Amino acid sequence: MPRSHFRLRLILIIAALLAPAARAADYTDLWWVPSESGWGVNVVQTDTFMFLTFFIYGQDRKPTWYTADLTLDSSGAFSGGLYATTGTYYAQPWNPGDAGAAQQVGNASFRPSSTNAYQATLTYVVNGIGTVTKNIERQPLTPPVIGGQYTGALSAAQTSCNNSLDNGAFKATYDLQVTQTTAGGATFTFTYPTYACTLTGTLVQHGRQYVIPAADYKCVQNGATVFSSSANLSEVVATAQGIEGRWAANVGSGCQEFAQFSAVLL
């Protein structure tokens, strides 16, 4: 590993602080099959729990209402019961007496892709009717605006590195400038106390998230480039307060870097 990059990483290892464990991906979004526009599933996730609402159709081609309560299981999928409910006609005042207890009519499973956070396999079983399995993905609506000036922190870790001091976790704080172009490109400039790193590439939208495959990843210190490689940014999300995301990069000689960042808008 180059000495300059080694010094750069030493700056990032702040008093041997351990980074927190990476949180699981957030799958909250609208999901669909692009070639089957007209139906879909809304996913709302809280930690290891998901609530799904289906907008699908019955044998009479009329809307059919199902919901599902799913919990993360040991296999990495979210699974649980599929329910049918009834209630007051929507054009009349709500009458609590019209709402029957939720009746379980089957089971459902949401299994995220093992390679990304924007594809999944949805399986649901309706008792007496059959099993439906769909390969679904996040449905994009309008492109989220992420450009702006932020300040925040990141936690990261390196694996399979040549120098044992670089193997481990570290934290850093930064100012972040995100430049988003009308042509679909973006540059993330992380400015640390003594150096700056940029990640530049083309935004690809998946639902409420962006990814940047093979972003140009470069760090500059005292006016000189001390590191240059590529990185895959993923789960880049505009939040109510700012922005968050992750990246994975090969930083040389088989050394892999994994980082997660979050920042608030200034």
C-alpha atoms as a PDB file:
ATOM      1  CA  MET A   1       0.000   0.000   0.000  1.00  0.00           C
ATOM      2  CA  PRO A   2       1.401   3.463  -0.857  1.00  0.00           C
ATOM      3  CA  ARG A   3       2.884   5.363   2.104  1.00  0.00           C
ATOM      4  CA  SER A   4       0.712   8.387   1.312  1.00  0.00           C
ATOM      5  CA  HIS A   5      -2.425   6.289   1.492  1.00  0.00           C
ATOM      6  CA  PHE A   6      -1.200   4.698   4.710  1.00  0.00           C
ATOM      7  CA  ARG A   7      -0.766   8.167   6.250  1.00  0.00           C
ATOM      8  CA  LEU A   8      -4.236   9.109   5.020  1.00  0.00           C
ATOM      9  CA  ARG A   9      -5.765   6.128   6.783  1.00  0.00           C
ATOM     10  CA  LEU A  10      -3.851   6.877   9.990  1.00  0.00           C
ATOM     11  CA  ILE A  11      -5.545  10.260  10.049  1.00  0.00           C
ATOM     12  CA  LEU A  12      -8.919   8.530   9.862  1.00  0.00           C
ATOM     13  CA  ILE A  13      -8.256   6.126  12.746  1.00  0.00           C
ATOM     14  CA  ILE A  14      -9.381   8.412  15.503  1.00  0.00           C
ATOM     15  CA  ALA A  15      -8.132   7.322  18.912  1.00  0.00           C
ATOM     16  CA  ALA A  16      -8.923   3.688  18.087  1.00  0.00           C
ATOM     17  CA  LEU A  17     -12.658   4.331  18.160  1.00  0.00           C
ATOM     18  CA  LEU A  18     -14.703   1.410  16.899  1.00  0.00           C
ATOM     19  CA  ALA A  19     -17.359   2.103  14.314  1.00  0.00           C
ATOM     20  CA  PRO A  20     -20.886   0.953  15.102  1.00  0.00           C
ATOM     21  CA  ALA A  21     -22.225  -2.130  13.361  1.00  0.00           C
ATOM     22  CA  ALA A  22     -23.672  -1.363   9.945  1.00  0.00           C
ATOM     23  CA  ARG A  23     -27.432  -1.090   9.980  1.00  0.00           C
ATOM     24  CA  ALA A  24     -29.553  -3.220   7.710  1.00  0.00           C
ATOM     25  CA  ALA A  25     -30.857  -1.679   4.518  1.00  0.00           C
ATOM     26  CA  ASP A  26     -34.146   0.201   4.651  1.00  0.00           C
ATOM     27  CA  TYR A  27     -36.590  -1.255   2.117  1.00  0.00           C
ATOM     28  CA  THR A  28     -39.338   1.324   2.666  1.00  0.00           C
ATOM     29  CA  ASP A  29     -40.554   2.199  -0.834  1.00  0.00           C
ATOM     30  CA  LEU A  30     -43.079   1.485  -3.567  1.00  0.00           C
ATOM     31  CA  TRP A  31     -42.257  -1.839  -5.285  1.00  0.00           C
ATOM     32  CA  TRP A  32     -43.395  -3.165  -8.663  1.00  0.00           C
ATOM     33  CA  VAL A  33     -42.584  -5.215 -11.753  1.00  0.00           C
ATOM     34  CA  PRO A  34     -41.770  -2.700 -14.548  1.00  0.00           C
ATOM     35  CA  SER A  35     -43.335  -4.870 -17.250  1.00  0.00           C
ATOM     36  CA  GLU A  36     -46.550  -5.224 -15.211  1.00  0.00           C
ATOM     37  CA  SER A  37     -47.458  -1.604 -14.500  1.00  0.00           C
ATOM     38  CA  GLY A  38     -50.813  -1.368 -12.718  1.00  0.00           C
ATOM     39  CA  TRP A  39     -50.227  -3.282  -9.520  1.00  0.00           C
ATOM     40  CA  GLY A  40     -47.653  -3.060  -6.759  1.00  0.00           C
ATOM     41  CA  VAL A  41     -46.796  -3.280  -3.080  1.00  0.00           C
ATOM     42  CA  ASN A  42     -46.093  -0.511  -0.585  1.00  0.00           C
ATOM     43  CA  VAL A  43     -43.411  -1.468   1.949  1.00  0.00           C
ATOM     44  CA  VAL A  44     -42.974   0.396   5.224  1.00  0.00           C
ATOM     45  CA  GLN A  45     -40.137  -0.909   7.377  1.00  0.00           C
ATOM     46  CA  THR A  46     -39.277  -0.253  11.005  1.00  0.00           C
ATOM     47  CA  ASP A  47     -36.064  -1.998  12.003  1.00  0.00           C
ATOM     48  CA  THR A  48     -36.819  -5.736  11.582  1.00  0.00           C
ATOM     49  CA  PHE A  49     -40.561  -5.330  10.937  1.00  0.00           C
ATOM     50  CA  MET A  50     -42.366  -4.646   7.645  1.00  0.00           C
ATOM     51  CA  PHE A  51     -45.945  -3.666   6.917  1.00  0.00           C
ATOM     52  CA  LEU A  52     -47.039  -4.346   3.323  1.00  0.00           C
ATOM     53  CA  THR A  53     -50.137  -3.086   1.521  1.00  0.00           C
ATOM     54  CA  PHE A  54     -50.971  -4.746  -1.793  1.00  0.00           C
ATOM     55  CA  PHE A  55     -52.841  -3.051  -4.624  1.00  0.00           C
ATOM     56  CA  ILE A  56     -53.826  -6.057  -6.709  1.00  0.00           C
ATOM     57  CA  TYR A  57     -57.001  -7.421  -8.368  1.00  0.00           C
ATOM     58  CA  GLY A  58     -59.351 -10.345  -7.858  1.00  0.00           C
ATOM     59  CA  GLN A  59     -60.822 -12.820 -10.339  1.00  0.00           C
ATOM     60  CA  ASP A  60     -63.429 -10.169 -11.194  1.00  0.00           C
ATOM     61  CA  ARG A  61     -60.563  -7.745 -12.065  1.00  0.00           C
ATOM     62  CA  LYS A  62     -61.698  -5.425  -9.275  1.00  0.00           C
ATOM     63  CA  PRO A  63     -59.313  -4.099  -6.600  1.00  0.00           C
ATOM     64  CA  THR A  64     -58.533  -6.570  -3.844  1.00  0.00           C
ATOM     65  CA  TRP A  65     -57.173  -5.421  -0.479  1.00  0.00           C
ATOM     66  CA  TYR A  66     -54.518  -7.389   1.411  1.00  0.00           C
ATOM     67  CA  THR A  67     -51.957  -6.410   4.016  1.00  0.00           C
ATOM     68  CA  ALA A  68     -49.064  -8.339   5.524  1.00  0.00           C
ATOM     69  CA  ASP A  69     -47.161  -8.157   8.820  1.00  0.00           C
ATOM     70  CA  LEU A  70     -43.633  -9.441   8.243  1.00  0.00           C
ATOM     71  CA  THR A  71     -40.700  -9.967  10.594  1.00  0.00           C
ATOM     72  CA  LEU A  72     -37.066 -10.590   9.688  1.00  0.00           C
ATOM     73  CA  ASP A  73     -36.253 -14.286  10.056  1.00  0.00           C
ATOM     74  CA  SER A  74     -33.001 -16.223  10.355  1.00  0.00           C
ATOM     75  CA  SER A  75     -32.783 -16.756   6.581  1.00  0.00           C
ATOM     76  CA  GLY A  76     -32.631 -13.024   5.844  1.00  0.00           C
ATOM     77  CA  ALA A  77     -36.198 -12.782   4.557  1.00  0.00           C
ATOM     78  CA  PHE A  78     -39.134 -10.932   6.079  1.00  0.00           C
ATOM     79  CA  SER A  79     -42.032 -13.319   6.562  1.00  0.00           C
ATOM     80  CA  GLY A  80     -45.424 -13.437   8.245  1.00  0.00           C
ATOM     81  CA  GLY A  81     -49.179 -13.462   7.799  1.00  0.00           C
ATOM     82  CA  LEU A  82     -51.298 -12.134   4.933  1.00  0.00           C
ATOM     83  CA  TYR A  83     -54.540 -10.467   6.061  1.00  0.00           C
ATOM     84  CA  ALA A  84     -57.882  -9.318   4.664  1.00  0.00           C
ATOM     85  CA  THR A  85     -59.927  -6.576   6.355  1.00  0.00           C
ATOM     86  CA  THR A  86     -63.292  -4.876   5.873  1.00  0.00           C
ATOM     87  CA  GLY A  87     -64.582  -1.412   6.746  1.00  0.00           C
ATOM     88  CA  THR A  88     -67.016   1.415   6.087  1.00  0.00           C
ATOM     89  CA  TYR A  89     -67.798   2.530   2.523  1.00  0.00           C
ATOM     90  CA  TYR A  90     -65.280   5.320   1.874  1.00  0.00           C
ATOM     91  CA  ALA A  91     -67.924   7.913   0.892  1.00  0.00           C
ATOM     92  CA  GLN A  92     -69.599   7.640   4.309  1.00  0.00           C
ATOM     93  CA  PRO A  93     -68.349   8.667   7.771  1.00  0.00           C
ATOM     94  CA  TRP A  94     -66.178   5.993   9.299  1.00  0.00           C
ATOM     95  CA  ASN A  95     -68.105   3.590  11.504  1.00  0.00           C
ATOM     96  CA  PRO A  96     -65.863   1.575  13.859  1.00  0.00           C
ATOM     97  CA  GLY A  97     -68.536  -1.094  13.995  1.00  0.00           C
ATOM     98  CA  ASP A  98     -68.038  -1.844  10.306  1.00  0.00           C
ATOM     99  CA  ALA A  99     -64.401  -2.798  10.762  1.00  0.00           C
ATOM    100  CA  GLY A 100     -64.096  -6.500  11.220  1.00  0.00           C
ATOM    101  CA  ALA A 101     -61.076  -8.113  12.811  1.00  0.00           C
ATOM    102  CA  ALA A 102     -58.217  -8.727  10.421  1.00  0.00           C
ATOM    103  CA  GLN A 103     -58.580 -12.259   9.075  1.00  0.00           C
ATOM    104  CA  GLN A 104     -55.460 -14.176   8.137  1.00  0.00           C
ATOM    105  CA  VAL A 105     -55.925 -15.546   4.663  1.00  0.00           C
ATOM    106  CA  GLY A 106     -52.415 -16.791   3.969  1.00  0.00           C
ATOM    107  CA  ASN A 107     -48.741 -15.954   4.311  1.00  0.00           C
ATOM    108  CA  ALA A 108     -46.231 -13.645   2.632  1.00  0.00           C
ATOM    109  CA  SER A 109     -42.462 -13.331   2.278  1.00  0.00           C
ATOM    110  CA  PHE A 110     -40.248 -10.450   1.154  1.00  0.00           C
ATOM    111  CA  ARG A 111     -36.716 -11.683   0.410  1.00  0.00           C
ATOM    112  CA  PRO A 112     -34.223  -8.909  -0.440  1.00  0.00           C
ATOM    113  CA  SER A 113     -31.576  -9.479  -3.077  1.00  0.00           C
ATOM    114  CA  SER A 114     -28.243 -10.645  -1.707  1.00  0.00           C
ATOM    115  CA  THR A 115     -26.380  -8.236  -4.007  1.00  0.00           C
ATOM    116  CA  ASN A 116     -28.287  -4.934  -3.754  1.00  0.00           C
ATOM    117  CA  ALA A 117     -30.983  -3.060  -1.838  1.00  0.00           C
ATOM    118  CA  TYR A 118     -33.349  -2.384  -4.751  1.00  0.00           C
ATOM    119  CA  GLN A 119     -34.500  -5.842  -5.861  1.00  0.00           C
ATOM    120  CA  ALA A 120     -36.402  -8.540  -3.985  1.00  0.00           C
ATOM    121  CA  THR A 121     -38.530 -11.647  -4.384  1.00  0.00           C
ATOM    122  CA  LEU A 122     -42.116 -11.325  -3.170  1.00  0.00           C
ATOM    123  CA  THR A 123     -44.044 -14.536  -2.475  1.00  0.00           C
ATOM    124  CA  TYR A 124     -47.552 -14.674  -1.080  1.00  0.00           C
ATOM    125  CA  VAL A 125     -49.947 -17.560  -0.556  1.00  0.00           C
ATOM    126  CA  VAL A 126     -53.701 -16.980  -0.492  1.00  0.00           C
ATOM    127  CA  ASN A 127     -55.459 -19.923   1.126  1.00  0.00           C
ATOM    128  CA  GLY A 128     -57.636 -21.841  -1.326  1.00  0.00           C
ATOM    129  CA  ILE A 129     -56.358 -19.861  -4.330  1.00  0.00           C
ATOM    130  CA  GLY A 130     -52.640 -20.455  -4.720  1.00  0.00           C
ATOM    131  CA  THR A 131     -49.111 -19.049  -4.559  1.00  0.00           C
ATOM    132  CA  VAL A 132     -47.800 -15.954  -6.335  1.00  0.00           C
ATOM    133  CA  THR A 133     -44.063 -15.286  -6.735  1.00  0.00           C
ATOM    134  CA  LYS A 134     -42.778 -12.052  -8.284  1.00  0.00           C
ATOM    135  CA  ASN A 135     -39.309 -10.591  -8.780  1.00  0.00           C
ATOM    136  CA  ILE A 136     -39.936  -6.979  -7.794  1.00  0.00           C
ATOM    137  CA  GLU A 137     -37.908  -3.777  -7.631  1.00  0.00           C
ATOM    138  CA  ARG A 138     -38.254  -0.261  -6.275  1.00  0.00           C
ATOM    139  CA  GLN A 139     -40.461   1.952  -8.429  1.00  0.00           C
ATOM    140  CA  PRO A 140     -38.920   5.350  -9.245  1.00  0.00           C
ATOM    141  CA  LEU A 141     -41.134   8.407  -9.127  1.00  0.00           C
ATOM    142  CA  THR A 142     -39.600  11.878  -9.471  1.00  0.00           C
ATOM    143  CA  PRO A 143     -35.774  12.118  -9.195  1.00  0.00           C
ATOM    144  CA  PRO A 144     -34.851  13.074  -5.607  1.00  0.00           C
ATOM    145  CA  VAL A 145     -32.831  16.272  -5.241  1.00  0.00           C
ATOM    146  CA  ILE A 146     -29.615  15.607  -3.320  1.00  0.00           C
ATOM    147  CA  GLY A 147     -27.431  18.562  -4.285  1.00  0.00           C
ATOM    148  CA  GLY A 148     -26.386  20.828  -1.431  1.00  0.00           C
ATOM    149  CA  GLN A 149     -23.922  21.605   1.348  1.00  0.00           C
ATOM    150  CA  TYR A 150     -23.877  19.239   4.311  1.00  0.00           C
ATOM    151  CA  THR A 151     -21.903  18.374   7.417  1.00  0.00           C
ATOM    152  CA  GLY A 152     -21.720  14.924   8.936  1.00  0.00           C
ATOM    153  CA  ALA A 153     -19.761  11.830   9.863  1.00  0.00           C
ATOM    154  CA  LEU A 154     -18.916   8.413   8.513  1.00  0.00           C
ATOM    155  CA  SER A 155     -17.937   5.051   9.914  1.00  0.00           C
ATOM    156  CA  ALA A 156     -15.914   2.669   7.810  1.00  0.00           C
ATOM    157  CA  ALA A 157     -13.857  -0.492   7.883  1.00  0.00           C
ATOM    158  CA  GLN A 158     -11.166  -2.125   5.784  1.00  0.00           C
ATOM    159  CA  THR A 159     -10.574  -5.824   5.192  1.00  0.00           C
ATOM    160  CA  SER A 160      -7.818  -7.904   3.557  1.00  0.00           C
ATOM    161  CA  CYS A 161      -5.340  -5.059   3.766  1.00  0.00           C
ATOM    162  CA  ASN A 162      -1.565  -5.488   3.682  1.00  0.00           C
ATOM    163  CA  ASN A 163      -0.913  -3.408   6.782  1.00  0.00           C
ATOM    164  CA  SER A 164      -2.509  -4.670   9.972  1.00  0.00           C
ATOM    165  CA  LEU A 165      -2.977  -1.118  11.235  1.00  0.00           C
ATOM    166  CA  ASP A 166      -5.349  -0.509   8.344  1.00  0.00           C
ATOM    167  CA  ASN A 167      -7.420  -3.599   9.078  1.00  0.00           C
ATOM    168  CA  GLY A 168     -10.252  -2.444  11.306  1.00  0.00           C
ATOM    169  CA  ALA A 169     -12.812   0.275  11.838  1.00  0.00           C
ATOM    170  CA  PHE A 170     -12.512   4.029  11.878  1.00  0.00           C
ATOM    171  CA  LYS A 171     -14.641   7.166  12.076  1.00  0.00           C
ATOM    172  CA  ALA A 172     -14.294  10.636  10.593  1.00  0.00           C
ATOM    173  CA  THR A 173     -16.203  13.909  10.408  1.00  0.00           C
ATOM    174  CA  TYR A 174     -16.392  16.064   7.297  1.00  0.00           C
ATOM    175  CA  ASP A 175     -18.103  18.804   5.328  1.00  0.00           C
ATOM    176  CA  LEU A 176     -19.843  17.476   2.224  1.00  0.00           C
ATOM    177  CA  GLN A 177     -20.670  19.248  -1.020  1.00  0.00           C
ATOM    178  CA  VAL A 178     -22.949  17.315  -3.392  1.00  0.00           C
ATOM    179  CA  THR A 179     -23.208  18.641  -6.928  1.00  0.00           C
ATOM    180  CA  GLN A 180     -26.079  17.119  -8.921  1.00  0.00           C
ATOM    181  CA  THR A 181     -26.266  17.873 -12.631  1.00  0.00           C
ATOM    182  CA  THR A 182     -29.300  17.985 -14.901  1.00  0.00           C
ATOM    183  CA  ALA A 183     -27.613  15.328 -17.046  1.00  0.00           C
ATOM    184  CA  GLY A 184     -27.797  12.824 -14.186  1.00  0.00           C
ATOM    185  CA  GLY A 185     -24.277  13.065 -12.819  1.00  0.00           C
ATOM    186  CA  ALA A 186     -23.155  13.828  -9.284  1.00  0.00           C
ATOM    187  CA  THR A 187     -19.979  14.627  -7.382  1.00  0.00           C
ATOM    188  CA  PHE A 188     -19.622  14.033  -3.650  1.00  0.00           C
ATOM    189  CA  THR A 189     -16.777  16.104  -2.146  1.00  0.00           C
ATOM    190  CA  PHE A 190     -15.878  15.073   1.406  1.00  0.00           C
ATOM    191  CA  THR A 191     -13.630  17.699   3.033  1.00  0.00           C
ATOM    192  CA  TYR A 192     -11.754  16.502   6.122  1.00  0.00           C
ATOM    193  CA  PRO A 193      -9.437  18.670   8.273  1.00  0.00           C
ATOM    194  CA  THR A 194      -6.281  18.035   6.203  1.00  0.00           C
ATOM    195  CA  TYR A 195      -7.429  16.484   2.912  1.00  0.00           C
ATOM    196  CA  ALA A 196     -10.441  16.029   0.616  1.00  0.00           C
ATOM    197  CA  CYS A 197     -11.931  13.061  -1.265  1.00  0.00           C
ATOM    198  CA  THR A 198     -14.319  13.097  -4.215  1.00  0.00           C
ATOM    199  CA  LEU A 199     -16.588  10.429  -5.632  1.00  0.00           C
ATOM    200  CA  THR A 200     -17.963  11.220  -9.092  1.00  0.00           C
ATOM    201  CA  GLY A 201     -20.219   9.293 -11.438  1.00  0.00           C
ATOM    202  CA  THR A 202     -23.648   8.849 -13.001  1.00  0.00           C
ATOM    203  CA  LEU A 203     -26.684   8.556 -10.750  1.00  0.00           C
ATOM    204  CA  VAL A 204     -28.968   5.561 -11.298  1.00  0.00           C
ATOM    205  CA  GLN A 205     -32.347   5.887  -9.589  1.00  0.00           C
ATOM    206  CA  HIS A 206     -34.060   2.962  -7.860  1.00  0.00           C
ATOM    207  CA  GLY A 207     -37.223   4.155  -6.129  1.00  0.00           C
ATOM    208  CA  ARG A 208     -36.281   6.725  -3.510  1.00  0.00           C
ATOM    209  CA  GLN A 209     -32.602   5.719  -3.680  1.00  0.00           C
ATOM    210  CA  TYR A 210     -29.664   6.374  -5.973  1.00  0.00           C
ATOM    211  CA  VAL A 211     -26.653   4.228  -6.779  1.00  0.00           C
ATOM    212  CA  ILE A 212     -23.472   5.259  -8.604  1.00  0.00           C
ATOM    213  CA  PRO A 213     -21.704   2.212 -10.034  1.00  0.00           C
ATOM    214  CA  ALA A 214     -17.954   2.513 -10.528  1.00  0.00           C
ATOM    215  CA  ALA A 215     -17.645   6.091  -9.267  1.00  0.00           C
ATOM    216  CA  ASP A 216     -14.265   7.785  -9.677  1.00  0.00           C
ATOM    217  CA  TYR A 217     -12.831   7.868  -6.116  1.00  0.00           C
ATOM    218  CA  LYS A 218      -9.938  10.262  -5.500  1.00  0.00           C
ATOM    219  CA  CYS A 219      -8.295  11.864  -2.458  1.00  0.00           C
ATOM    220  CA  VAL A 220      -6.097  14.975  -2.485  1.00  0.00           C
ATOM    221  CA  GLN A 221      -3.759  16.164   0.267  1.00  0.00           C
ATOM    222  CA  ASN A 222      -1.678  19.365   0.111  1.00  0.00           C
ATOM    223  CA  GLY A 223      -2.609  19.754  -3.541  1.00  0.00           C
ATOM    224  CA  ALA A 224      -1.370  16.300  -4.548  1.00  0.00           C
ATOM    225  CA  THR A 225      -3.432  13.223  -5.417  1.00  0.00           C
ATOM    226  CA  VAL A 226      -2.616  10.589  -2.798  1.00  0.00           C
ATOM    227  CA  PHE A 227      -5.219   8.004  -3.754  1.00  0.00           C
ATOM    228  CA  SER A 228      -7.215   7.142  -6.870  1.00  0.00           C
ATOM    229  CA  SER A 229      -9.522   4.184  -7.417  1.00  0.00           C
ATOM    230  CA  SER A 230     -13.200   3.434  -8.020  1.00  0.00           C
ATOM    231  CA  ALA A 231     -16.107   2.902  -5.648  1.00  0.00           C
ATOM    232  CA  ASN A 232     -19.695   1.732  -5.801  1.00  0.00           C
ATOM    233  CA  LEU A 233     -22.061   4.102  -4.001  1.00  0.00           C
ATOM    234  CA  SER A 234     -25.377   2.626  -2.935  1.00  0.00           C
ATOM    235  CA  GLU A 235     -28.480   3.416  -0.872  1.00  0.00           C
ATOM    236  CA  VAL A 236     -27.957   7.148  -1.376  1.00  0.00           C
ATOM    237  CA  VAL A 237     -31.110   8.704   0.062  1.00  0.00           C
ATOM    238  CA  ALA A 238     -32.277  12.265   0.573  1.00  0.00           C
ATOM    239  CA  THR A 239     -33.702  12.433   4.099  1.00  0.00           C
ATOM    240  CA  ALA A 240     -35.847  15.112   5.711  1.00  0.00           C
ATOM    241  CA  GLN A 241     -32.708  16.494   7.392  1.00  0.00           C
ATOM    242  CA  GLY A 242     -29.997  15.727   4.839  1.00  0.00           C
ATOM    243  CA  ILE A 243     -28.464  12.748   3.067  1.00  0.00           C
ATOM    244  CA  GLU A 244     -27.090   9.268   3.772  1.00  0.00           C
ATOM    245  CA  GLY A 245     -25.540   6.392   1.865  1.00  0.00           C
ATOM    246  CA  ARG A 246     -22.836   3.740   1.612  1.00  0.00           C
ATOM    247  CA  TRP A 247     -19.874   2.899  -0.584  1.00  0.00           C
ATOM    248  CA  ALA A 248     -17.580  -0.035  -1.207  1.00  0.00           C
ATOM    249  CA  ALA A 249     -14.162   0.378  -2.823  1.00  0.00           C
ATOM    250  CA  ASN A 250     -11.026  -1.549  -3.693  1.00  0.00           C
ATOM    251  CA  VAL A 251      -8.271   0.600  -2.218  1.00  0.00           C
ATOM    252  CA  GLY A 252      -5.356  -1.442  -3.556  1.00  0.00           C
ATOM    253  CA  SER A 253      -3.702  -4.870  -3.307  1.00  0.00           C
ATOM    254  CA  GLY A 254      -6.966  -6.594  -2.459  1.00  0.00           C
ATOM    255  CA  CYS A 255      -7.744  -4.195   0.378  1.00  0.00           C
ATOM    256  CA  GLN A 256     -11.487  -3.469   0.533  1.00  0.00           C
ATOM    257  CA  GLU A 257     -13.088  -0.414   2.126  1.00  0.00           C
ATOM    258  CA  PHE A 258     -16.716  -0.265   3.261  1.00  0.00           C
ATOM    259  CA  ALA A 259     -18.186   3.015   4.497  1.00  0.00           C
ATOM    260  CA  GLN A 260     -21.521   4.412   5.577  1.00  0.00           C
ATOM    261  CA  PHE A 261     -22.164   8.140   5.871  1.00  0.00           C
ATOM    262  CA  SER A 262     -24.842  10.509   7.051  1.00  0.00           C
ATOM    263  CA  ALA A 263     -24.984  14.301   6.942  1.00  0.00           C
ATOM    264  CA  VAL A 264     -27.356  17.152   7.704  1.00  0.00           C
ATOM    265  CA  LEU A 265     -28.131  19.952   5.293  1.00  0.00           C
ATOM    266  CA  LEU A 266     -26.599  23.318   6.169  1.00  0.00           C
END
